[in-house]
N, C-alpha and C. Protein backbone atom coordinates (compact mmCIF):
# COMPACT_ATOMS: atom_id res chain seq x y z
N UNK A 1 -67.11 48.31 31.78
CA UNK A 1 -66.64 49.60 32.25
C UNK A 1 -65.13 49.54 32.22
N UNK A 2 -64.48 50.32 31.76
CA UNK A 2 -62.86 50.37 31.92
C UNK A 2 -62.72 50.99 33.14
N UNK A 3 -61.54 50.42 33.90
CA UNK A 3 -60.97 50.97 35.07
C UNK A 3 -59.92 52.20 34.74
N UNK A 4 -59.40 51.98 33.71
CA UNK A 4 -58.30 53.11 33.20
C UNK A 4 -58.85 53.77 32.21
N UNK A 5 -58.93 55.19 32.09
CA UNK A 5 -59.61 55.92 31.23
C UNK A 5 -58.82 56.33 30.04
N UNK A 6 -57.50 55.94 30.05
CA UNK A 6 -56.69 56.14 28.83
C UNK A 6 -55.61 55.13 28.52
N UNK A 7 -54.84 55.05 27.46
CA UNK A 7 -53.93 54.05 27.27
C UNK A 7 -52.59 54.77 26.58
N UNK A 8 -51.56 54.74 27.12
CA UNK A 8 -50.32 55.27 26.56
C UNK A 8 -49.51 54.23 25.91
N UNK A 9 -48.98 54.47 24.72
CA UNK A 9 -48.22 53.57 23.92
C UNK A 9 -47.18 54.32 22.98
N UNK A 10 -46.11 53.63 22.49
CA UNK A 10 -45.14 54.26 21.66
C UNK A 10 -45.38 53.69 20.19
N UNK A 11 -45.57 54.63 19.14
CA UNK A 11 -45.58 54.02 17.68
C UNK A 11 -44.67 54.88 16.88
N UNK A 12 -43.79 54.36 16.29
CA UNK A 12 -42.86 55.10 15.31
C UNK A 12 -42.03 56.12 16.06
N UNK A 13 -41.64 55.83 17.35
CA UNK A 13 -40.78 56.93 18.03
C UNK A 13 -41.94 58.07 18.71
N UNK A 14 -43.17 57.95 18.45
CA UNK A 14 -43.81 58.86 18.95
C UNK A 14 -44.86 58.35 20.21
N UNK A 15 -44.92 59.03 21.31
CA UNK A 15 -45.83 58.64 22.46
C UNK A 15 -47.14 58.99 22.02
N UNK A 16 -48.11 57.93 22.15
CA UNK A 16 -49.52 58.15 21.81
C UNK A 16 -50.22 57.91 22.98
N UNK A 17 -51.31 58.78 23.38
CA UNK A 17 -52.09 58.70 24.38
C UNK A 17 -53.57 58.58 23.85
N UNK A 18 -54.20 57.61 23.86
CA UNK A 18 -55.55 57.33 23.66
C UNK A 18 -56.62 57.00 24.78
N UNK A 19 -57.59 57.86 24.58
CA UNK A 19 -58.86 57.76 25.70
C UNK A 19 -59.62 56.48 25.26
N UNK A 20 -60.00 55.76 26.45
CA UNK A 20 -60.70 54.57 26.33
C UNK A 20 -62.13 54.63 26.76
N UNK A 21 -62.44 55.93 27.41
CA UNK A 21 -63.78 55.97 27.91
C UNK A 21 -63.97 55.31 29.02
N UNK A 22 -65.00 55.87 30.03
CA UNK A 22 -65.23 55.31 31.32
C UNK A 22 -66.48 54.84 31.47
N UNK A 23 -67.36 55.07 30.66
CA UNK A 23 -68.74 54.39 30.84
C UNK A 23 -69.18 53.92 29.50
N UNK A 24 -70.11 53.02 29.33
CA UNK A 24 -70.78 52.59 28.10
C UNK A 24 -71.83 53.54 27.85
N UNK A 25 -71.77 53.89 26.54
CA UNK A 25 -72.92 54.91 25.92
C UNK A 25 -74.22 54.24 26.04
N UNK A 26 -75.26 55.07 26.55
CA UNK A 26 -76.55 54.75 26.53
C UNK A 26 -77.37 55.67 25.80
N UNK A 27 -78.49 55.13 24.98
CA UNK A 27 -79.21 55.95 24.28
C UNK A 27 -79.83 56.99 25.17
N UNK A 28 -80.26 58.24 24.63
CA UNK A 28 -81.09 59.20 25.31
C UNK A 28 -82.09 59.81 24.55
N UNK A 29 -83.42 59.67 24.89
CA UNK A 29 -84.27 59.99 23.79
C UNK A 29 -84.78 61.51 24.21
N UNK A 30 -84.65 62.25 25.34
CA UNK A 30 -85.05 63.55 25.48
C UNK A 30 -84.25 63.94 26.71
N UNK A 31 -84.42 65.45 27.08
CA UNK A 31 -83.78 65.89 28.19
C UNK A 31 -84.45 65.64 29.58
N UNK A 32 -85.69 65.30 29.35
CA UNK A 32 -86.57 64.97 30.61
C UNK A 32 -86.03 63.67 31.11
N UNK A 33 -85.57 62.66 30.17
CA UNK A 33 -85.08 61.33 30.50
C UNK A 33 -83.81 61.57 31.27
N UNK A 34 -82.95 62.46 31.07
CA UNK A 34 -81.69 62.80 31.60
C UNK A 34 -81.83 63.29 33.00
N UNK A 35 -82.77 64.04 33.28
CA UNK A 35 -83.38 64.65 34.48
C UNK A 35 -83.68 63.61 35.35
N UNK A 36 -84.66 62.74 35.08
CA UNK A 36 -85.29 61.76 35.91
C UNK A 36 -84.20 60.72 36.29
N UNK A 37 -83.34 60.35 35.24
CA UNK A 37 -82.40 59.29 35.63
C UNK A 37 -81.29 59.81 36.57
N UNK A 38 -80.90 61.01 36.51
CA UNK A 38 -79.84 61.71 37.35
C UNK A 38 -80.51 61.91 38.67
N UNK A 39 -81.96 62.39 38.80
CA UNK A 39 -82.61 62.33 40.07
C UNK A 39 -82.71 60.98 40.84
N UNK A 40 -82.93 59.98 40.01
CA UNK A 40 -83.04 58.68 40.84
C UNK A 40 -81.52 58.25 41.11
N UNK A 41 -80.45 58.41 40.60
CA UNK A 41 -79.21 58.20 40.77
C UNK A 41 -78.63 58.97 41.87
N UNK A 42 -78.72 60.28 41.84
CA UNK A 42 -77.88 61.33 42.56
C UNK A 42 -78.71 61.99 43.87
N UNK A 43 -80.12 61.77 43.75
CA UNK A 43 -80.98 62.22 44.70
C UNK A 43 -80.84 63.49 45.35
N UNK A 44 -80.29 63.60 46.58
CA UNK A 44 -80.10 64.85 47.34
C UNK A 44 -78.57 65.37 47.16
N UNK A 45 -77.84 65.11 46.06
CA UNK A 45 -76.51 65.59 45.96
C UNK A 45 -76.76 66.98 45.20
N UNK A 46 -75.90 67.99 45.26
CA UNK A 46 -76.01 69.08 44.79
C UNK A 46 -75.85 69.05 43.05
N UNK A 47 -77.01 69.48 42.53
CA UNK A 47 -76.95 69.31 41.05
C UNK A 47 -76.21 70.63 40.21
N UNK A 48 -76.57 71.78 40.85
CA UNK A 48 -75.80 72.84 40.55
C UNK A 48 -76.16 74.09 41.43
N UNK A 49 -75.31 75.03 41.31
CA UNK A 49 -75.35 76.14 42.35
C UNK A 49 -75.55 77.44 41.39
N UNK A 50 -76.27 78.52 42.02
CA UNK A 50 -76.32 79.77 41.36
C UNK A 50 -76.50 80.93 42.32
N UNK A 51 -76.20 82.13 42.17
CA UNK A 51 -76.30 83.29 42.91
C UNK A 51 -77.45 83.91 42.78
N UNK A 52 -78.32 84.36 43.70
CA UNK A 52 -79.54 85.21 43.78
C UNK A 52 -79.52 86.10 44.88
N UNK A 53 -79.66 87.41 44.50
CA UNK A 53 -79.55 88.57 45.57
C UNK A 53 -78.29 88.33 46.53
N UNK A 54 -77.13 88.03 45.97
CA UNK A 54 -76.00 87.86 46.57
C UNK A 54 -75.72 86.66 47.41
N UNK A 55 -76.75 85.64 47.46
CA UNK A 55 -76.67 84.41 48.22
C UNK A 55 -76.35 83.36 47.21
N UNK A 56 -75.55 82.26 47.73
CA UNK A 56 -75.49 80.99 46.87
C UNK A 56 -76.59 80.15 47.06
N UNK A 57 -77.35 79.73 46.01
CA UNK A 57 -78.48 78.96 46.15
C UNK A 57 -77.97 77.43 45.53
N UNK A 58 -78.38 76.37 46.21
CA UNK A 58 -78.11 75.15 45.83
C UNK A 58 -79.28 74.47 45.36
N UNK A 59 -79.25 73.76 44.17
CA UNK A 59 -80.38 72.82 43.80
C UNK A 59 -80.01 71.37 43.82
N UNK A 60 -80.77 70.55 44.44
CA UNK A 60 -80.32 69.07 44.32
C UNK A 60 -80.94 68.48 43.08
N UNK A 61 -80.68 67.18 42.73
CA UNK A 61 -81.24 66.50 41.68
C UNK A 61 -82.52 66.44 41.91
N UNK A 62 -83.03 66.10 42.93
CA UNK A 62 -84.60 65.96 43.21
C UNK A 62 -85.18 67.41 43.00
N UNK A 63 -84.89 68.26 43.60
CA UNK A 63 -85.55 69.65 43.21
C UNK A 63 -85.53 70.08 42.07
N UNK A 64 -84.35 69.76 41.21
CA UNK A 64 -84.43 70.25 39.76
C UNK A 64 -85.48 69.33 39.08
N UNK A 65 -85.64 68.02 39.36
CA UNK A 65 -86.53 67.15 38.70
C UNK A 65 -87.91 67.73 39.06
N UNK A 66 -88.21 68.23 40.16
CA UNK A 66 -89.51 68.60 40.55
C UNK A 66 -89.79 69.96 39.83
N UNK A 67 -88.76 70.83 39.73
CA UNK A 67 -89.03 72.12 38.90
C UNK A 67 -89.15 71.88 37.58
N UNK A 68 -88.46 70.83 36.87
CA UNK A 68 -88.90 70.61 35.55
C UNK A 68 -90.23 69.87 35.42
N UNK A 69 -90.69 69.09 36.23
CA UNK A 69 -92.11 68.59 36.17
C UNK A 69 -93.05 69.89 36.35
N UNK A 70 -92.64 70.88 37.14
CA UNK A 70 -93.57 71.91 37.34
C UNK A 70 -93.70 72.92 36.14
N UNK A 71 -92.71 72.98 35.60
CA UNK A 71 -92.53 73.63 34.20
C UNK A 71 -93.38 73.12 33.18
N UNK A 72 -93.31 71.75 33.11
CA UNK A 72 -93.84 70.94 32.05
C UNK A 72 -95.55 71.14 32.34
N UNK A 73 -95.86 70.98 33.72
CA UNK A 73 -97.36 71.22 33.85
C UNK A 73 -97.87 72.57 33.58
N UNK A 74 -97.08 73.71 33.87
CA UNK A 74 -97.62 75.04 33.68
C UNK A 74 -97.57 75.21 32.10
N UNK A 75 -96.56 74.66 31.26
CA UNK A 75 -96.53 74.84 29.94
C UNK A 75 -97.86 74.13 29.21
N UNK A 76 -98.10 73.01 29.87
CA UNK A 76 -99.01 72.25 29.41
C UNK A 76 -100.54 72.81 29.58
N UNK A 77 -100.74 73.36 30.66
CA UNK A 77 -102.01 73.86 30.87
C UNK A 77 -102.16 75.27 30.45
N UNK A 78 -101.21 75.89 29.90
CA UNK A 78 -101.21 77.22 29.36
C UNK A 78 -101.78 77.17 28.04
N UNK A 79 -102.77 78.08 27.98
CA UNK A 79 -103.75 78.14 26.59
C UNK A 79 -103.59 79.44 26.05
C-alpha cells in the first residue's frame, strides 16, 4: 500500500501529477460480497443516510447487510 497517493515531477518543462493509488486492487465477484466485506470491516459505522418523512435515517453496515440478506430471502421464497 502506498503512503502517498500521488507523485509530482517535471518533464520537458511541464509539471506532471500522477496518481499512485492507495490500495491494492482485489477481485470482487458480486455485490453481495462487497456488502459482506464492508459489514465485517466497518460494522456499526454509518454506511449511508437518507430522509424519510422529514427525518434523517442512518443505516450501519451491519444493518445494510441484514437488509440485503432479508431481501435475498424474500426474493428466493417468492414464487
